Protein backbone atom coordinates (compact mmCIF):
# COMPACT_ATOMS: atom_id res chain seq x y z
CA UNK A 1 69.62 69.91 81.45
CA UNK A 2 70.42 73.53 82.11
CA UNK A 3 71.21 72.69 85.72
CA UNK A 4 73.59 69.88 84.71
CA UNK A 5 75.21 72.13 82.09
CA UNK A 6 75.80 74.80 84.68
CA UNK A 7 77.36 72.28 87.05
CA UNK A 8 79.56 70.92 84.29
CA UNK A 9 80.78 74.38 83.34
CA UNK A 10 81.41 75.17 86.98
CA UNK A 11 83.51 72.02 87.36
CA UNK A 12 85.48 72.87 84.23
CA UNK A 13 86.22 76.37 85.53
CA UNK A 14 87.19 75.01 88.93
CA UNK A 15 89.45 72.47 87.27
CA UNK A 16 91.10 75.13 85.15
CA UNK A 17 91.67 77.23 88.26
CA UNK A 18 93.27 74.27 90.01
CA UNK A 19 95.59 73.68 87.06
CA UNK A 20 96.54 77.37 87.07
CA UNK A 21 97.38 77.48 90.78
CA UNK A 22 100.81 79.06 91.36
CA UNK A 23 103.77 76.82 92.11
CA UNK A 24 104.89 77.15 95.72
CA UNK A 25 108.55 77.67 96.60
CA UNK A 26 109.35 76.84 100.22
CA UNK A 27 111.65 79.42 101.76
CA UNK A 28 113.08 79.31 105.25
CA UNK A 29 115.35 81.70 107.09
CA UNK A 30 115.90 84.02 110.00
CA UNK A 31 113.35 86.64 110.95
CA UNK A 32 115.93 89.27 110.04
CA UNK A 33 115.80 88.11 106.42
CA UNK A 34 112.02 87.93 106.07
CA UNK A 35 111.45 91.64 105.13
CA UNK A 36 113.47 91.06 101.96
CA UNK A 37 111.13 88.27 100.89
CA UNK A 38 107.99 90.14 101.86
CA UNK A 39 109.02 93.04 99.65
CA UNK A 40 109.91 90.78 96.71
CA UNK A 41 106.96 88.35 96.90
CA UNK A 42 104.35 90.39 94.91
CA UNK A 43 106.71 90.89 91.96
CA UNK A 44 107.75 87.24 92.00
CA UNK A 45 104.14 86.09 91.87
CA UNK A 46 103.24 88.60 89.17
CA UNK A 47 106.21 87.93 86.88
CA UNK A 48 107.00 84.27 87.57
CA UNK A 49 103.71 82.87 88.85
CA UNK A 50 105.42 81.58 92.00
CA UNK A 51 104.07 81.74 95.53
CA UNK A 52 106.58 81.99 98.38
CA UNK A 53 105.90 80.09 101.58
CA UNK A 54 108.21 81.40 104.31
CA UNK A 55 108.98 79.38 107.45
CA UNK A 56 110.91 81.52 109.95
CA UNK A 57 113.79 79.97 111.86
CA UNK A 58 115.63 81.34 114.86
CA UNK A 59 119.10 80.57 113.51
CA UNK A 60 120.80 80.35 110.13
CA UNK A 61 121.95 76.82 111.01
CA UNK A 62 118.35 75.65 111.44
CA UNK A 63 117.44 77.09 108.03
CA UNK A 64 120.34 75.25 106.38
CA UNK A 65 119.22 72.03 108.06
CA UNK A 66 115.76 72.47 106.54
CA UNK A 67 117.23 72.69 103.05
CA UNK A 68 119.50 69.74 103.78
CA UNK A 69 116.57 67.45 104.70
CA UNK A 70 114.43 68.85 101.84
CA UNK A 71 111.75 70.42 104.03
CA UNK A 72 112.57 73.73 102.30
CA UNK A 73 113.70 74.61 98.78
CA UNK A 74 115.77 77.65 99.72
CA UNK A 75 117.26 79.18 102.86
CA UNK A 76 117.79 82.90 103.38
CA UNK A 77 120.54 83.32 105.98
CA UNK A 78 122.85 85.99 107.39
CA UNK A 79 126.18 84.19 107.10
CA UNK A 80 128.06 82.13 104.50
CA UNK A 81 127.98 78.34 104.52
CA UNK A 82 130.68 76.67 106.59
CA UNK A 83 132.54 73.42 105.89
CA UNK A 84 130.57 71.90 108.77
CA UNK A 85 127.26 72.82 107.09
CA UNK A 86 128.37 70.99 103.95
CA UNK A 87 129.77 67.97 105.77
CA UNK A 88 126.44 67.45 107.56
CA UNK A 89 124.85 66.68 104.17
CA UNK A 90 127.53 65.07 101.97
CA UNK A 91 125.00 64.07 99.30
CA UNK A 92 123.96 67.70 98.80
CA UNK A 93 125.71 70.01 96.36
CA UNK A 94 124.82 73.17 98.25
CA UNK A 95 124.67 76.31 96.14
CA UNK A 96 124.99 79.72 97.81
CA UNK A 97 124.90 83.27 96.50
CA UNK A 98 125.25 86.49 98.47
CA UNK A 99 122.53 88.86 97.30
CA UNK A 100 122.74 91.79 99.74
CA UNK A 101 124.28 93.18 102.90
CA UNK A 102 122.50 94.02 106.12
CA UNK A 103 123.89 97.31 107.41
CA UNK A 104 123.38 99.31 110.59
CA UNK A 105 124.61 102.87 111.18
CA UNK A 106 124.61 105.09 114.29
CA UNK A 107 122.17 107.96 113.75
CA UNK A 108 122.07 111.39 115.40
CA UNK A 109 120.29 114.68 114.78
CA UNK A 110 121.82 117.41 112.64
CA UNK A 111 122.15 119.49 115.83
CA UNK A 112 124.38 116.85 117.43
CA UNK A 113 126.36 116.33 114.24
CA UNK A 114 127.03 120.06 113.81
CA UNK A 115 128.09 120.38 117.44
CA UNK A 116 131.22 118.40 116.56
CA UNK A 117 130.23 114.72 116.74
CA UNK A 118 131.15 113.42 113.29
CA UNK A 119 132.22 109.87 114.19
CA UNK A 120 132.33 107.38 117.04
CA UNK A 121 134.65 104.48 117.85
CA UNK A 122 133.65 101.02 119.00
CA UNK A 123 135.33 101.69 122.36
CA UNK A 124 133.35 104.91 122.81
CA UNK A 125 130.06 103.29 121.81
CA UNK A 126 130.65 100.40 124.20
CA UNK A 127 131.24 102.86 127.04
CA UNK A 128 128.11 104.79 126.00
CA UNK A 129 126.02 101.61 125.89
CA UNK A 130 127.25 100.54 129.32
CA UNK A 131 126.66 104.02 130.80
CA UNK A 132 130.27 105.13 131.31
CA UNK A 133 129.86 107.92 128.74
CA UNK A 134 126.78 110.06 129.41
CA UNK A 135 127.58 113.44 127.84
CA UNK A 136 128.35 114.42 124.25
CA UNK A 137 131.25 116.54 125.55
CA UNK A 138 133.09 113.27 126.27
CA UNK A 139 133.16 112.43 122.55
CA UNK A 140 133.85 115.84 121.05
CA UNK A 141 130.39 117.42 121.13
CA UNK A 142 128.65 120.05 123.21
CA UNK A 143 127.85 119.83 126.90
CA UNK A 144 124.59 117.90 126.56
CA UNK A 145 123.29 114.67 128.05
CA UNK A 146 123.31 111.65 125.73
CA UNK A 147 120.01 109.84 125.31
CA UNK A 148 120.55 106.44 123.73
CA UNK A 149 117.52 104.63 122.30
CA UNK A 150 118.23 100.91 122.24
CA UNK A 151 116.84 98.83 119.34
CA UNK A 152 114.45 96.14 120.57
CA UNK A 153 116.28 93.01 121.74
CA UNK A 154 116.10 90.16 119.26
CA UNK A 155 115.70 92.43 116.23
CA UNK A 156 118.34 92.15 113.56
CA UNK A 157 119.46 95.74 114.16
CA UNK A 158 120.22 95.05 117.83
CA UNK A 159 121.91 91.71 117.07
CA UNK A 160 124.21 93.28 114.50
CA UNK A 161 125.00 96.26 116.73
CA UNK A 162 125.98 94.27 119.84
CA UNK A 163 127.90 91.72 117.76
CA UNK A 164 130.02 94.65 116.55
CA UNK A 165 130.56 95.85 120.11
CA UNK A 166 131.17 92.53 121.86
CA UNK A 167 132.03 90.02 119.12
CA UNK A 168 129.41 87.56 120.40
CA UNK A 169 125.76 88.34 121.10
CA UNK A 170 125.89 86.11 124.19
CA UNK A 171 128.41 88.47 125.80
CA UNK A 172 126.26 91.55 125.30
CA UNK A 173 124.30 93.19 128.13
CA UNK A 174 120.71 94.01 127.23
CA UNK A 175 121.13 97.73 127.89
CA UNK A 176 118.04 97.86 130.10
CA UNK A 177 118.96 101.31 131.41
CA UNK A 178 117.97 102.79 128.06
CA UNK A 179 114.58 103.29 126.45
CA UNK A 180 113.76 100.88 123.62
CA UNK A 181 112.62 101.63 120.07
CA UNK A 182 110.56 98.96 118.33
CA UNK A 183 111.07 99.87 114.66
CA UNK A 184 113.48 101.69 112.35
CA UNK A 185 110.89 104.42 111.81
CA UNK A 186 110.62 104.93 115.56
CA UNK A 187 114.42 105.13 115.88
CA UNK A 188 114.58 107.73 113.13
CA UNK A 189 111.74 109.87 114.54
CA UNK A 190 113.07 109.64 118.09
CA UNK A 191 116.49 110.91 117.06
CA UNK A 192 115.02 113.79 115.06
CA UNK A 193 112.71 115.04 117.78
CA UNK A 194 114.69 114.34 120.98
CA UNK A 195 117.66 116.62 121.57
CA UNK A 196 120.93 114.81 122.30
CA UNK A 197 119.66 111.39 121.24
CA UNK A 198 121.39 108.59 119.34
CA UNK A 199 120.14 105.27 118.03
CA UNK A 200 120.81 102.75 115.25
CA UNK A 201 119.04 101.93 111.99
CA UNK A 202 119.65 100.79 108.41
CA UNK A 203 121.24 103.60 106.36
CA UNK A 204 118.14 104.52 104.36
CA UNK A 205 116.57 105.90 107.55
CA UNK A 206 119.28 108.58 107.80
CA UNK A 207 118.26 111.22 105.28
CA UNK A 208 121.43 113.28 105.69
CA UNK A 209 119.34 116.38 106.42
CA UNK A 210 117.62 116.06 109.78
CA UNK A 211 119.02 112.65 110.74
CA UNK A 212 122.72 112.03 110.06
CA UNK A 213 124.67 108.74 110.03
CA UNK A 214 127.90 108.90 112.02
CA UNK A 215 131.18 107.63 110.63
CA UNK A 216 133.04 104.95 112.63
CA UNK A 217 136.65 105.22 113.76
CA UNK A 218 139.07 102.34 114.17
CA UNK A 219 142.85 101.98 114.43
CA UNK A 220 143.19 102.67 110.70
CA UNK A 221 141.20 105.91 110.69
CA UNK A 222 137.66 107.00 109.90
CA UNK A 223 135.27 104.80 107.89
CA UNK A 224 132.51 106.79 106.23
CA UNK A 225 128.95 105.37 105.95
CA UNK A 226 128.92 105.08 102.14
CA UNK A 227 127.36 102.51 99.82
CA UNK A 228 130.82 101.55 98.57
CA UNK A 229 131.98 100.81 102.12
CA UNK A 230 128.79 98.88 102.88
CA UNK A 231 129.11 96.65 99.82
CA UNK A 232 132.82 96.03 100.32
CA UNK A 233 132.19 95.36 104.06
CA UNK A 234 134.84 97.88 104.98
CA UNK A 235 132.03 99.29 107.13
CA UNK A 236 132.25 97.15 110.30
CA UNK A 237 128.55 96.88 111.23
CA UNK A 238 127.46 94.58 108.40
CA UNK A 239 126.62 90.99 107.66
CA UNK A 240 125.76 89.19 104.41
CA UNK A 241 122.35 88.10 103.18
CA UNK A 242 122.84 84.73 101.48
CA UNK A 243 120.48 82.40 99.63
CA UNK A 244 121.25 78.68 99.87
CA UNK A 245 119.82 75.94 97.62
CA UNK A 246 120.24 72.23 98.21
CA UNK A 247 121.62 71.71 94.72
CA UNK A 248 122.68 73.75 91.71
CA UNK A 249 119.51 75.72 90.82
CA UNK A 250 117.44 74.81 87.76
CA UNK A 251 113.91 75.46 86.52
CA UNK A 252 111.69 77.58 88.77
CA UNK A 253 114.38 77.97 91.41
CA UNK A 254 116.80 79.32 88.82
CA UNK A 255 114.19 81.79 87.52
CA UNK A 256 113.41 82.88 91.08
CA UNK A 257 117.06 83.59 91.85
CA UNK A 258 117.35 85.48 88.58
CA UNK A 259 114.48 87.73 89.62
CA UNK A 260 115.94 88.39 93.09
CA UNK A 261 119.38 89.42 91.78
CA UNK A 262 117.87 91.43 88.90
CA UNK A 263 116.73 95.09 88.98
CA UNK A 264 113.27 94.43 90.45
CA UNK A 265 114.63 92.08 93.08
CA UNK A 266 117.35 94.52 94.08
CA UNK A 267 114.73 97.26 94.46
CA UNK A 268 112.74 94.95 96.75
CA UNK A 269 115.84 94.21 98.83
CA UNK A 270 116.45 97.93 99.28
CA UNK A 271 112.82 98.36 100.30
CA UNK A 272 113.39 95.66 102.91
CA UNK A 273 116.25 97.73 104.43
CA UNK A 274 119.11 95.78 102.83
CA UNK A 275 121.89 97.07 100.57
CA UNK A 276 121.66 95.03 97.37
CA UNK A 277 124.74 93.71 95.57
CA UNK A 278 124.55 94.39 91.80
CA UNK A 279 127.41 91.94 91.15
CA UNK A 280 125.20 89.04 92.30
CA UNK A 281 123.41 89.08 88.93
CA UNK A 282 126.67 88.53 87.03
CA UNK A 283 127.74 85.84 89.47
CA UNK A 284 124.52 83.91 88.99
CA UNK A 285 124.93 84.07 85.22
CA UNK A 286 128.46 82.70 85.54
CA UNK A 287 127.15 79.77 87.57
């Protein structure tokens, strides 16, 4: 009898555990977007009891397709929806909300910054990337060789950088003449400890003390690397981070979105190297 009682209790506990299993929300999106989810996932599970299952896609369009055919609940993409996206699934009432901005800034050492290099134009950076500019003296600095450290090809940082330079990633040379950095941390450390170097990274990796973000010049003047300019997209090296649902969000999906645009979600987005948009919380409430 004791044996049977033990088995019965064990089955009851197992059954209770099965009933208490977290609900799974199926997310899909580009690899660029995945750090934002990874940073937010523990808080979402702790506060909402939801598990996130992330299926990476190579393109935003593929992620939208997954939501359209209901193989994913939400897509995390780096562009707004287009009329074509909506027309592909006329029965869907796609809902989208921009939650953050991906930002990249040129970073240099304090030594380079104080030598006179305070900003750089797209034309100058294109010439630098292609090897036509090789000395800081050519852009207002001291007589010192430029050492550019190229973000790894395929990473979101590199994609955003060359899209700014060339308008289309397919037109961009790979920059094979330059050494490659694999991570934002490596880019930051390389710039700090290698004289005359320059690279690119999200703004949080430029501490303003040893590693300085450069301003960008265009025909209208100098654009400073400030949070206000990032959020308004006045800063040119940006793209949006957008969540797309197949229909107007309700239930668990609505609670999940509320978490992501709230204070804890915004902190997670910042941890994932994005610049969060505080106004997204008010926009979701309006919807």
